C-alpha atoms as a PDB file:
ATOM      1  CA  UNK A   1      18.541  66.367 -13.938  1.00  0.00           C
ATOM      2  CA  UNK A   2      17.633  65.875 -10.276  1.00  0.00           C
ATOM      3  CA  UNK A   3      20.008  65.715  -7.294  1.00  0.00           C
ATOM      4  CA  UNK A   4      19.929  63.596  -4.155  1.00  0.00           C
ATOM      5  CA  UNK A   5      22.092  64.179  -1.093  1.00  0.00           C
ATOM      6  CA  UNK A   6      22.122  61.171   1.222  1.00  0.00           C
ATOM      7  CA  UNK A   7      22.769  62.274   4.796  1.00  0.00           C
ATOM      8  CA  UNK A   8      21.593  59.235   6.734  1.00  0.00           C
ATOM      9  CA  UNK A   9      23.324  56.709   8.937  1.00  0.00           C
ATOM     10  CA  UNK A  10      24.045  56.658  12.633  1.00  0.00           C
ATOM     11  CA  UNK A  11      27.533  58.193  12.384  1.00  0.00           C
ATOM     12  CA  UNK A  12      28.762  55.694  14.963  1.00  0.00           C
ATOM     13  CA  UNK A  13      32.406  56.182  13.973  1.00  0.00           C
ATOM     14  CA  UNK A  14      32.117  59.814  15.094  1.00  0.00           C
ATOM     15  CA  UNK A  15      30.650  59.008  18.525  1.00  0.00           C
ATOM     16  CA  UNK A  16      30.177  60.952  20.822  1.00  0.00           C
ATOM     17  CA  UNK A  17      30.017  63.915  18.415  1.00  0.00           C
ATOM     18  CA  UNK A  18      26.969  62.412  16.752  1.00  0.00           C
ATOM     19  CA  UNK A  19      25.139  62.350  20.059  1.00  0.00           C
ATOM     20  CA  UNK A  20      24.813  66.109  19.598  1.00  0.00           C
ATOM     21  CA  UNK A  21      24.063  66.353  15.876  1.00  0.00           C
ATOM     22  CA  UNK A  22      24.251  64.164  12.795  1.00  0.00           C
ATOM     23  CA  UNK A  23      27.524  63.394  11.055  1.00  0.00           C
ATOM     24  CA  UNK A  24      26.772  65.610   8.058  1.00  0.00           C
ATOM     25  CA  UNK A  25      26.102  68.619  10.312  1.00  0.00           C
ATOM     26  CA  UNK A  26      29.525  68.449  11.956  1.00  0.00           C
ATOM     27  CA  UNK A  27      31.800  71.425  11.280  1.00  0.00           C
ATOM     28  CA  UNK A  28      34.428  71.098   8.565  1.00  0.00           C
ATOM     29  CA  UNK A  29      36.492  74.180   9.364  1.00  0.00           C
ATOM     30  CA  UNK A  30      33.914  77.010   9.185  1.00  0.00           C
ATOM     31  CA  UNK A  31      30.871  75.348   7.613  1.00  0.00           C
ATOM     32  CA  UNK A  32      28.596  72.356   8.198  1.00  0.00           C
ATOM     33  CA  UNK A  33      29.817  69.292   6.317  1.00  0.00           C
ATOM     34  CA  UNK A  34      26.613  69.155   4.258  1.00  0.00           C
ATOM     35  CA  UNK A  35      27.461  72.530   2.664  1.00  0.00           C
ATOM     36  CA  UNK A  36      30.291  70.971   0.653  1.00  0.00           C
ATOM     37  CA  UNK A  37      28.371  68.398  -1.426  1.00  0.00           C
ATOM     38  CA  UNK A  38      25.476  70.832  -1.848  1.00  0.00           C
ATOM     39  CA  UNK A  39      27.809  73.497  -3.228  1.00  0.00           C
ATOM     40  CA  UNK A  40      29.483  71.076  -5.652  1.00  0.00           C
ATOM     41  CA  UNK A  41      26.101  70.135  -7.076  1.00  0.00           C
ATOM     42  CA  UNK A  42      24.934  73.750  -7.297  1.00  0.00           C
ATOM     43  CA  UNK A  43      28.192  74.694  -9.033  1.00  0.00           C
ATOM     44  CA  UNK A  44      27.408  71.940 -11.538  1.00  0.00           C
ATOM     45  CA  UNK A  45      24.202  73.773 -12.448  1.00  0.00           C
ATOM     46  CA  UNK A  46      21.740  71.596 -10.530  1.00  0.00           C
ATOM     47  CA  UNK A  47      18.760  73.224  -8.828  1.00  0.00           C
ATOM     48  CA  UNK A  48      16.311  70.479  -7.777  1.00  0.00           C
ATOM     49  CA  UNK A  49      17.366  68.619  -4.626  1.00  0.00           C
ATOM     50  CA  UNK A  50      16.114  65.876  -2.380  1.00  0.00           C
ATOM     51  CA  UNK A  51      17.822  65.475   0.979  1.00  0.00           C
ATOM     52  CA  UNK A  52      17.437  62.065   2.622  1.00  0.00           C
ATOM     53  CA  UNK A  53      18.160  61.594   6.309  1.00  0.00           C
ATOM     54  CA  UNK A  54      16.896  59.925   9.464  1.00  0.00           C
ATOM     55  CA  UNK A  55      13.538  60.885  11.035  1.00  0.00           C
ATOM     56  CA  UNK A  56      15.430  62.380  13.995  1.00  0.00           C
ATOM     57  CA  UNK A  57      17.787  64.498  11.896  1.00  0.00           C
ATOM     58  CA  UNK A  58      15.469  65.719   9.131  1.00  0.00           C
ATOM     59  CA  UNK A  59      14.032  68.598  11.225  1.00  0.00           C
ATOM     60  CA  UNK A  60      17.586  69.914  11.718  1.00  0.00           C
ATOM     61  CA  UNK A  61      18.186  69.990   7.959  1.00  0.00           C
ATOM     62  CA  UNK A  62      14.836  71.659   7.347  1.00  0.00           C
ATOM     63  CA  UNK A  63      15.752  74.322   9.902  1.00  0.00           C
ATOM     64  CA  UNK A  64      19.111  74.856   8.171  1.00  0.00           C
ATOM     65  CA  UNK A  65      17.986  74.841   4.528  1.00  0.00           C
ATOM     66  CA  UNK A  66      14.219  75.429   4.539  1.00  0.00           C
ATOM     67  CA  UNK A  67      12.974  74.919   0.955  1.00  0.00           C
ATOM     68  CA  UNK A  68      16.211  76.219  -0.611  1.00  0.00           C
ATOM     69  CA  UNK A  69      14.533  79.241  -2.216  1.00  0.00           C
ATOM     70  CA  UNK A  70      16.972  81.614  -0.498  1.00  0.00           C
ATOM     71  CA  UNK A  71      19.621  80.206  -2.862  1.00  0.00           C
ATOM     72  CA  UNK A  72      17.384  79.956  -5.922  1.00  0.00           C
ATOM     73  CA  UNK A  73      16.999  76.177  -5.625  1.00  0.00           C
ATOM     74  CA  UNK A  74      14.341  73.754  -4.378  1.00  0.00           C
ATOM     75  CA  UNK A  75      14.903  71.185  -1.634  1.00  0.00           C
ATOM     76  CA  UNK A  76      12.556  68.347  -0.778  1.00  0.00           C
ATOM     77  CA  UNK A  77      13.033  65.959   2.136  1.00  0.00           C
ATOM     78  CA  UNK A  78      12.604  62.208   2.544  1.00  0.00           C
ATOM     79  CA  UNK A  79      13.120  59.868   5.503  1.00  0.00           C
ATOM     80  CA  UNK A  80      15.415  56.862   5.579  1.00  0.00           C
ATOM     81  CA  UNK A  81      14.265  55.114   8.779  1.00  0.00           C
ATOM     82  CA  UNK A  82      17.170  52.637   8.723  1.00  0.00           C
ATOM     83  CA  UNK A  83      20.569  52.736   6.986  1.00  0.00           C
ATOM     84  CA  UNK A  84      19.685  50.006   4.487  1.00  0.00           C
ATOM     85  CA  UNK A  85      22.208  50.975   1.817  1.00  0.00           C
ATOM     86  CA  UNK A  86      23.060  53.808  -0.544  1.00  0.00           C
ATOM     87  CA  UNK A  87      20.979  52.365  -3.383  1.00  0.00           C
ATOM     88  CA  UNK A  88      17.888  52.589  -1.185  1.00  0.00           C
ATOM     89  CA  UNK A  89      17.955  56.342  -1.825  1.00  0.00           C
ATOM     90  CA  UNK A  90      16.614  55.794  -5.354  1.00  0.00           C
ATOM     91  CA  UNK A  91      13.699  53.760  -4.017  1.00  0.00           C
ATOM     92  CA  UNK A  92      12.908  56.331  -1.324  1.00  0.00           C
ATOM     93  CA  UNK A  93      13.113  59.245  -3.776  1.00  0.00           C
ATOM     94  CA  UNK A  94      11.498  57.550  -6.790  1.00  0.00           C
ATOM     95  CA  UNK A  95       8.609  60.037  -6.875  1.00  0.00           C
ATOM     96  CA  UNK A  96      11.060  62.948  -6.693  1.00  0.00           C
ATOM     97  CA  UNK A  97      13.194  61.559  -9.553  1.00  0.00           C
ATOM     98  CA  UNK A  98      10.176  60.961 -11.764  1.00  0.00           C
ATOM     99  CA  UNK A  99      11.373  60.356 -15.323  1.00  0.00           C
ATOM    100  CA  UNK A 100      14.598  62.345 -14.996  1.00  0.00           C
ATOM    101  CA  UNK A 101      18.225  61.369 -14.692  1.00  0.00           C
ATOM    102  CA  UNK A 102      19.757  61.878 -11.259  1.00  0.00           C
ATOM    103  CA  UNK A 103      22.963  62.623  -9.380  1.00  0.00           C
ATOM    104  CA  UNK A 104      23.490  61.097  -5.946  1.00  0.00           C
ATOM    105  CA  UNK A 105      26.145  62.506  -3.621  1.00  0.00           C
ATOM    106  CA  UNK A 106      26.936  61.317  -0.124  1.00  0.00           C
ATOM    107  CA  UNK A 107      26.696  64.014   2.517  1.00  0.00           C
ATOM    108  CA  UNK A 108      30.018  63.128   4.151  1.00  0.00           C
ATOM    109  CA  UNK A 109      32.124  63.369   0.977  1.00  0.00           C
ATOM    110  CA  UNK A 110      34.091  66.558   0.364  1.00  0.00           C
ATOM    111  CA  UNK A 111      35.498  67.428  -3.055  1.00  0.00           C
ATOM    112  CA  UNK A 112      37.785  70.259  -4.055  1.00  0.00           C
ATOM    113  CA  UNK A 113      39.537  71.349  -7.228  1.00  0.00           C
ATOM    114  CA  UNK A 114      38.969  71.220 -10.963  1.00  0.00           C
ATOM    115  CA  UNK A 115      35.791  71.188 -13.013  1.00  0.00           C
ATOM    116  CA  UNK A 116      35.408  67.403 -13.317  1.00  0.00           C
ATOM    117  CA  UNK A 117      31.869  67.318 -11.937  1.00  0.00           C
ATOM    118  CA  UNK A 118      30.350  70.251 -13.884  1.00  0.00           C
ATOM    119  CA  UNK A 119      31.759  68.741 -17.082  1.00  0.00           C
ATOM    120  CA  UNK A 120      30.497  65.281 -16.186  1.00  0.00           C
ATOM    121  CA  UNK A 121      27.004  66.579 -15.436  1.00  0.00           C
ATOM    122  CA  UNK A 122      26.707  68.791 -18.526  1.00  0.00           C
ATOM    123  CA  UNK A 123      27.923  66.060 -20.895  1.00  0.00           C
ATOM    124  CA  UNK A 124      25.857  63.215 -19.415  1.00  0.00           C
ATOM    125  CA  UNK A 125      23.186  61.655 -21.630  1.00  0.00           C
ATOM    126  CA  UNK A 126      22.513  58.034 -20.688  1.00  0.00           C
ATOM    127  CA  UNK A 127      23.712  55.014 -18.739  1.00  0.00           C
ATOM    128  CA  UNK A 128      25.755  55.540 -15.592  1.00  0.00           C
ATOM    129  CA  UNK A 129      28.796  57.649 -14.866  1.00  0.00           C
ATOM    130  CA  UNK A 130      30.905  57.103 -11.764  1.00  0.00           C
ATOM    131  CA  UNK A 131      34.382  58.235 -10.785  1.00  0.00           C
ATOM    132  CA  UNK A 132      37.683  56.686  -9.731  1.00  0.00           C
ATOM    133  CA  UNK A 133      40.212  58.194  -7.360  1.00  0.00           C
ATOM    134  CA  UNK A 134      43.643  56.777  -6.544  1.00  0.00           C
ATOM    135  CA  UNK A 135      43.994  55.962  -2.830  1.00  0.00           C
ATOM    136  CA  UNK A 136      46.510  54.142  -0.654  1.00  0.00           C
ATOM    137  CA  UNK A 137      43.865  52.105   1.222  1.00  0.00           C
ATOM    138  CA  UNK A 138      41.397  50.884  -1.450  1.00  0.00           C
ATOM    139  CA  UNK A 139      40.159  48.028   0.751  1.00  0.00           C
ATOM    140  CA  UNK A 140      38.043  50.605   2.625  1.00  0.00           C
ATOM    141  CA  UNK A 141      35.983  51.466  -0.461  1.00  0.00           C
ATOM    142  CA  UNK A 142      34.300  50.189  -3.563  1.00  0.00           C
ATOM    143  CA  UNK A 143      37.149  49.414  -5.975  1.00  0.00           C
ATOM    144  CA  UNK A 144      37.165  49.582  -9.773  1.00  0.00           C
ATOM    145  CA  UNK A 145      39.529  47.518 -11.917  1.00  0.00           C
ATOM    146  CA  UNK A 146      40.626  48.718 -15.366  1.00  0.00           C
ATOM    147  CA  UNK A 147      42.026  46.840 -18.356  1.00  0.00           C
ATOM    148  CA  UNK A 148      45.053  47.992 -20.331  1.00  0.00           C
ATOM    149  CA  UNK A 149      42.906  50.342 -22.387  1.00  0.00           C
ATOM    150  CA  UNK A 150      41.531  52.092 -19.291  1.00  0.00           C
ATOM    151  CA  UNK A 151      38.129  50.426 -19.545  1.00  0.00           C
ATOM    152  CA  UNK A 152      36.409  49.382 -16.324  1.00  0.00           C
ATOM    153  CA  UNK A 153      36.097  45.584 -16.151  1.00  0.00           C
ATOM    154  CA  UNK A 154      35.161  44.860 -12.517  1.00  0.00           C
ATOM    155  CA  UNK A 155      33.835  46.438  -9.330  1.00  0.00           C
ATOM    156  CA  UNK A 156      34.091  45.112  -5.780  1.00  0.00           C
ATOM    157  CA  UNK A 157      32.779  46.495  -2.492  1.00  0.00           C
ATOM    158  CA  UNK A 158      35.502  46.730   0.203  1.00  0.00           C
ATOM    159  CA  UNK A 159      37.548  43.782  -1.130  1.00  0.00           C
ATOM    160  CA  UNK A 160      40.057  42.045   1.105  1.00  0.00           C
ATOM    161  CA  UNK A 161      42.473  41.921  -1.817  1.00  0.00           C
ATOM    162  CA  UNK A 162      41.816  44.940  -4.080  1.00  0.00           C
ATOM    163  CA  UNK A 163      42.464  44.527  -7.799  1.00  0.00           C
ATOM    164  CA  UNK A 164      43.485  48.175  -8.148  1.00  0.00           C
ATOM    165  CA  UNK A 165      44.169  51.288  -6.079  1.00  0.00           C
ATOM    166  CA  UNK A 166      41.213  53.151  -7.569  1.00  0.00           C
ATOM    167  CA  UNK A 167      38.325  53.773  -5.167  1.00  0.00           C
ATOM    168  CA  UNK A 168      34.854  54.927  -6.189  1.00  0.00           C
ATOM    169  CA  UNK A 169      34.007  58.232  -4.422  1.00  0.00           C
ATOM    170  CA  UNK A 170      30.523  58.968  -3.170  1.00  0.00           C
ATOM    171  CA  UNK A 171      29.063  60.676  -6.225  1.00  0.00           C
ATOM    172  CA  UNK A 172      27.129  58.863  -8.952  1.00  0.00           C
ATOM    173  CA  UNK A 173      25.256  59.949 -12.098  1.00  0.00           C
ATOM    174  CA  UNK A 174      22.520  57.743 -13.548  1.00  0.00           C
ATOM    175  CA  UNK A 175      19.809  57.771 -16.141  1.00  0.00           C
ATOM    176  CA  UNK A 176      16.262  56.949 -15.090  1.00  0.00           C
ATOM    177  CA  UNK A 177      16.859  53.188 -15.245  1.00  0.00           C
ATOM    178  CA  UNK A 178      18.458  53.466 -11.806  1.00  0.00           C
ATOM    179  CA  UNK A 179      15.026  53.495 -10.169  1.00  0.00           C
ATOM    180  CA  UNK A 180      14.070  50.150 -11.707  1.00  0.00           C
ATOM    181  CA  UNK A 181      17.499  48.649 -11.061  1.00  0.00           C
ATOM    182  CA  UNK A 182      17.553  49.710  -7.407  1.00  0.00           C
ATOM    183  CA  UNK A 183      14.005  48.523  -6.806  1.00  0.00           C
ATOM    184  CA  UNK A 184      14.898  45.046  -8.086  1.00  0.00           C
ATOM    185  CA  UNK A 185      18.014  44.620  -5.921  1.00  0.00           C
ATOM    186  CA  UNK A 186      18.183  42.057  -3.155  1.00  0.00           C
ATOM    187  CA  UNK A 187      19.911  42.980   0.110  1.00  0.00           C
ATOM    188  CA  UNK A 188      23.551  41.954   0.359  1.00  0.00           C
ATOM    189  CA  UNK A 189      25.064  39.844   3.135  1.00  0.00           C
ATOM    190  CA  UNK A 190      25.285  43.120   5.087  1.00  0.00           C
ATOM    191  CA  UNK A 191      21.524  43.532   4.725  1.00  0.00           C
ATOM    192  CA  UNK A 192      21.888  46.579   2.459  1.00  0.00           C
ATOM    193  CA  UNK A 193      20.997  47.598  -1.089  1.00  0.00           C
ATOM    194  CA  UNK A 194      24.536  48.097  -2.364  1.00  0.00           C
ATOM    195  CA  UNK A 195      25.439  50.885  -4.764  1.00  0.00           C
ATOM    196  CA  UNK A 196      28.142  48.597  -6.158  1.00  0.00           C
ATOM    197  CA  UNK A 197      25.405  46.200  -7.300  1.00  0.00           C
ATOM    198  CA  UNK A 198      23.738  49.071  -9.174  1.00  0.00           C
ATOM    199  CA  UNK A 199      27.021  49.871 -10.891  1.00  0.00           C
ATOM    200  CA  UNK A 200      27.624  46.207 -11.706  1.00  0.00           C
ATOM    201  CA  UNK A 201      24.250  46.027 -13.423  1.00  0.00           C
ATOM    202  CA  UNK A 202      25.113  49.028 -15.589  1.00  0.00           C
ATOM    203  CA  UNK A 203      28.486  47.393 -16.309  1.00  0.00           C
ATOM    204  CA  UNK A 204      26.699  44.169 -17.325  1.00  0.00           C
ATOM    205  CA  UNK A 205      24.498  46.186 -19.698  1.00  0.00           C
ATOM    206  CA  UNK A 206      27.555  47.893 -21.194  1.00  0.00           C
ATOM    207  CA  UNK A 207      26.374  51.302 -20.003  1.00  0.00           C
ATOM    208  CA  UNK A 208      28.860  52.149 -17.224  1.00  0.00           C
ATOM    209  CA  UNK A 209      31.363  54.975 -17.722  1.00  0.00           C
ATOM    210  CA  UNK A 210      34.144  55.439 -15.190  1.00  0.00           C
ATOM    211  CA  UNK A 211      36.042  58.723 -15.164  1.00  0.00           C
ATOM    212  CA  UNK A 212      39.351  58.948 -13.340  1.00  0.00           C
ATOM    213  CA  UNK A 213      39.562  62.146 -11.325  1.00  0.00           C
ATOM    214  CA  UNK A 214      42.542  64.351 -12.081  1.00  0.00           C
ATOM    215  CA  UNK A 215      45.632  64.450  -9.853  1.00  0.00           C
ATOM    216  CA  UNK A 216      44.847  68.011  -8.772  1.00  0.00           C
ATOM    217  CA  UNK A 217      41.486  66.923  -7.429  1.00  0.00           C
ATOM    218  CA  UNK A 218      40.973  66.285  -3.708  1.00  0.00           C
ATOM    219  CA  UNK A 219      38.481  63.831  -2.250  1.00  0.00           C
ATOM    220  CA  UNK A 220      38.053  63.797   1.520  1.00  0.00           C
ATOM    221  CA  UNK A 221      35.864  61.271   3.325  1.00  0.00           C
ATOM    222  CA  UNK A 222      35.059  62.799   6.722  1.00  0.00           C
ATOM    223  CA  UNK A 223      33.530  59.713   8.303  1.00  0.00           C
ATOM    224  CA  UNK A 224      35.898  59.338  11.273  1.00  0.00           C
ATOM    225  CA  UNK A 225      37.182  61.775  13.892  1.00  0.00           C
ATOM    226  CA  UNK A 226      40.661  61.741  12.364  1.00  0.00           C
ATOM    227  CA  UNK A 227      39.343  62.247   8.830  1.00  0.00           C
ATOM    228  CA  UNK A 228      37.082  65.060  10.046  1.00  0.00           C
ATOM    229  CA  UNK A 229      40.057  66.853  11.585  1.00  0.00           C
ATOM    230  CA  UNK A 230      42.168  66.334   8.439  1.00  0.00           C
ATOM    231  CA  UNK A 231      39.368  67.672   6.245  1.00  0.00           C
ATOM    232  CA  UNK A 232      39.035  70.788   8.422  1.00  0.00           C
ATOM    233  CA  UNK A 233      42.786  71.394   8.316  1.00  0.00           C
ATOM    234  CA  UNK A 234      42.842  70.958   4.533  1.00  0.00           C
ATOM    235  CA  UNK A 235      39.937  73.338   3.925  1.00  0.00           C
ATOM    236  CA  UNK A 236      41.431  75.929   6.288  1.00  0.00           C
ATOM    237  CA  UNK A 237      44.821  75.765   4.574  1.00  0.00           C
ATOM    238  CA  UNK A 238      43.359  76.169   1.073  1.00  0.00           C
ATOM    239  CA  UNK A 239      41.017  78.990   2.071  1.00  0.00           C
ATOM    240  CA  UNK A 240      43.706  80.957   3.901  1.00  0.00           C
ATOM    241  CA  UNK A 241      46.190  80.496   1.074  1.00  0.00           C
ATOM    242  CA  UNK A 242      43.840  81.368  -1.791  1.00  0.00           C
ATOM    243  CA  UNK A 243      41.464  83.777  -0.075  1.00  0.00           C
ATOM    244  CA  UNK A 244      38.433  81.964  -1.476  1.00  0.00           C
ATOM    245  CA  UNK A 245      35.952  79.717   0.274  1.00  0.00           C
ATOM    246  CA  UNK A 246      35.214  76.085  -0.541  1.00  0.00           C
ATOM    247  CA  UNK A 247      31.651  74.900  -0.011  1.00  0.00           C
ATOM    248  CA  UNK A 248      29.869  78.251  -0.107  1.00  0.00           C
ATOM    249  CA  UNK A 249      26.330  77.808  -1.538  1.00  0.00           C
ATOM    250  CA  UNK A 250      25.603  81.554  -1.634  1.00  0.00           C
ATOM    251  CA  UNK A 251      28.590  82.161  -3.896  1.00  0.00           C
ATOM    252  CA  UNK A 252      27.677  79.195  -6.107  1.00  0.00           C
ATOM    253  CA  UNK A 253      24.133  80.564  -6.432  1.00  0.00           C
ATOM    254  CA  UNK A 254      25.433  83.968  -7.567  1.00  0.00           C
ATOM    255  CA  UNK A 255      28.006  82.512  -9.948  1.00  0.00           C
ATOM    256  CA  UNK A 256      25.465  80.193 -11.540  1.00  0.00           C
ATOM    257  CA  UNK A 257      22.849  82.938 -11.879  1.00  0.00           C
ATOM    258  CA  UNK A 258      20.410  81.318  -9.452  1.00  0.00           C
ATOM    259  CA  UNK A 259      20.415  84.660  -7.597  1.00  0.00           C
ATOM    260  CA  UNK A 260      20.927  88.184  -8.862  1.00  0.00           C
ATOM    261  CA  UNK A 261      23.245  90.556  -7.020  1.00  0.00           C
ATOM    262  CA  UNK A 262      20.387  92.243  -5.122  1.00  0.00           C
ATOM    263  CA  UNK A 263      19.136  88.913  -3.786  1.00  0.00           C
ATOM    264  CA  UNK A 264      22.710  87.949  -2.917  1.00  0.00           C
ATOM    265  CA  UNK A 265      23.210  91.147  -0.928  1.00  0.00           C
ATOM    266  CA  UNK A 266      19.898  90.641   0.861  1.00  0.00           C
ATOM    267  CA  UNK A 267      21.213  87.285   2.103  1.00  0.00           C
ATOM    268  CA  UNK A 268      24.336  88.985   3.459  1.00  0.00           C
ATOM    269  CA  UNK A 269      22.293  91.693   5.183  1.00  0.00           C
ATOM    270  CA  UNK A 270      20.370  89.010   7.066  1.00  0.00           C
ATOM    271  CA  UNK A 271      23.577  87.440   8.424  1.00  0.00           C
ATOM    272  CA  UNK A 272      25.371  88.418  11.628  1.00  0.00           C
ATOM    273  CA  UNK A 273      28.720  90.186  11.410  1.00  0.00           C
ATOM    274  CA  UNK A 274      31.234  87.338  11.033  1.00  0.00           C
ATOM    275  CA  UNK A 275      34.046  86.106   8.816  1.00  0.00           C
ATOM    276  CA  UNK A 276      31.560  84.299   6.554  1.00  0.00           C
ATOM    277  CA  UNK A 277      29.418  87.364   5.843  1.00  0.00           C
ATOM    278  CA  UNK A 278      32.540  89.499   5.425  1.00  0.00           C
ATOM    279  CA  UNK A 279      33.768  87.087   2.760  1.00  0.00           C
ATOM    280  CA  UNK A 280      30.450  87.281   0.922  1.00  0.00           C
ATOM    281  CA  UNK A 281      30.583  91.095   0.975  1.00  0.00           C
ATOM    282  CA  UNK A 282      33.965  90.797  -0.689  1.00  0.00           C
ATOM    283  CA  UNK A 283      32.388  88.556  -3.341  1.00  0.00           C
ATOM    284  CA  UNK A 284      29.712  91.217  -3.946  1.00  0.00           C
ATOM    285  CA  UNK A 285      32.358  93.950  -4.222  1.00  0.00           C
ATOM    286  CA  UNK A 286      34.232  91.862  -6.782  1.00  0.00           C
ATOM    287  CA  UNK A 287      31.020  91.322  -8.733  1.00  0.00           C
ATOM    288  CA  UNK A 288      30.464  95.082  -9.000  1.00  0.00           C
ATOM    289  CA  UNK A 289      34.093  95.670  -9.953  1.00  0.00           C
ATOM    290  CA  UNK A 290      33.879  93.160 -12.795  1.00  0.00           C
ATOM    291  CA  UNK A 291      30.510  94.442 -13.957  1.00  0.00           C
ATOM    292  CA  UNK A 292      31.886  97.948 -14.383  1.00  0.00           C
ATOM    293  CA  UNK A 293      29.828 101.159 -14.466  1.00  0.00           C
ATOM    294  CA  UNK A 294      26.620  99.367 -15.478  1.00  0.00           C
ATOM    295  CA  UNK A 295      26.712  97.250 -12.360  1.00  0.00           C
ATOM    296  CA  UNK A 296      27.228 100.013  -9.819  1.00  0.00           C
ATOM    297  CA  UNK A 297      25.225  99.956  -6.593  1.00  0.00           C
END
């Protein structure tokens, strides 16, 4: 399965911050925003990535991530010259997807808690799988309506009068048909290739699965200045309380076996002395403690 992170758009709602760097490179507490979706996907066992962004911003992502080999993954890059819709990502990255299934995650969506995504990825076989999250302001999002048996029966993009309080977060899992479906879409009234239209086509074919995210799960959309501040405060509170970091790709790489402990420690050695590297040294110490005598330095 391949992975796409869409980090395009002008980020106009975050102006003037986005005059300095792109929305997905803004800090969410102690890490760039883009670290959070990347880590979720790595923790789900995915290793082949395509990052899509604007021609102006792509060099910044390449400087940050390089080819991903430092984390035991691969990252390719594609340009989205104009923000012509989420579904355009599958057209842009068609050669990257090839004949595989694919996960798309938006670069400004932050998820925390539970193992919903790793389970969803590992159990996926065909069709489409999206998620539903209860919100108080569903009119801001794509909204899914369920029947009495919990089966999805309709989807609407930012409806004036929502038929439910369940929004569709920015993560989607599709089989390879998504390339053909996206390529055949016509632009909406907004001039975009809408991801909701992709989901509606899978619904029409009887191949759409909608999983409601558990109550203990947190979804944060950091697309405005207020939401960015709230996301930072949330991440800081959880990390200080639990003593573990959210959105740490190095730790995900070690946990998933993408890196061995020697490679992990080499990454730490290359970092400056800071809270982040100190945390990772603690992760390494815990690894050795759990490994016992056979894992000693």
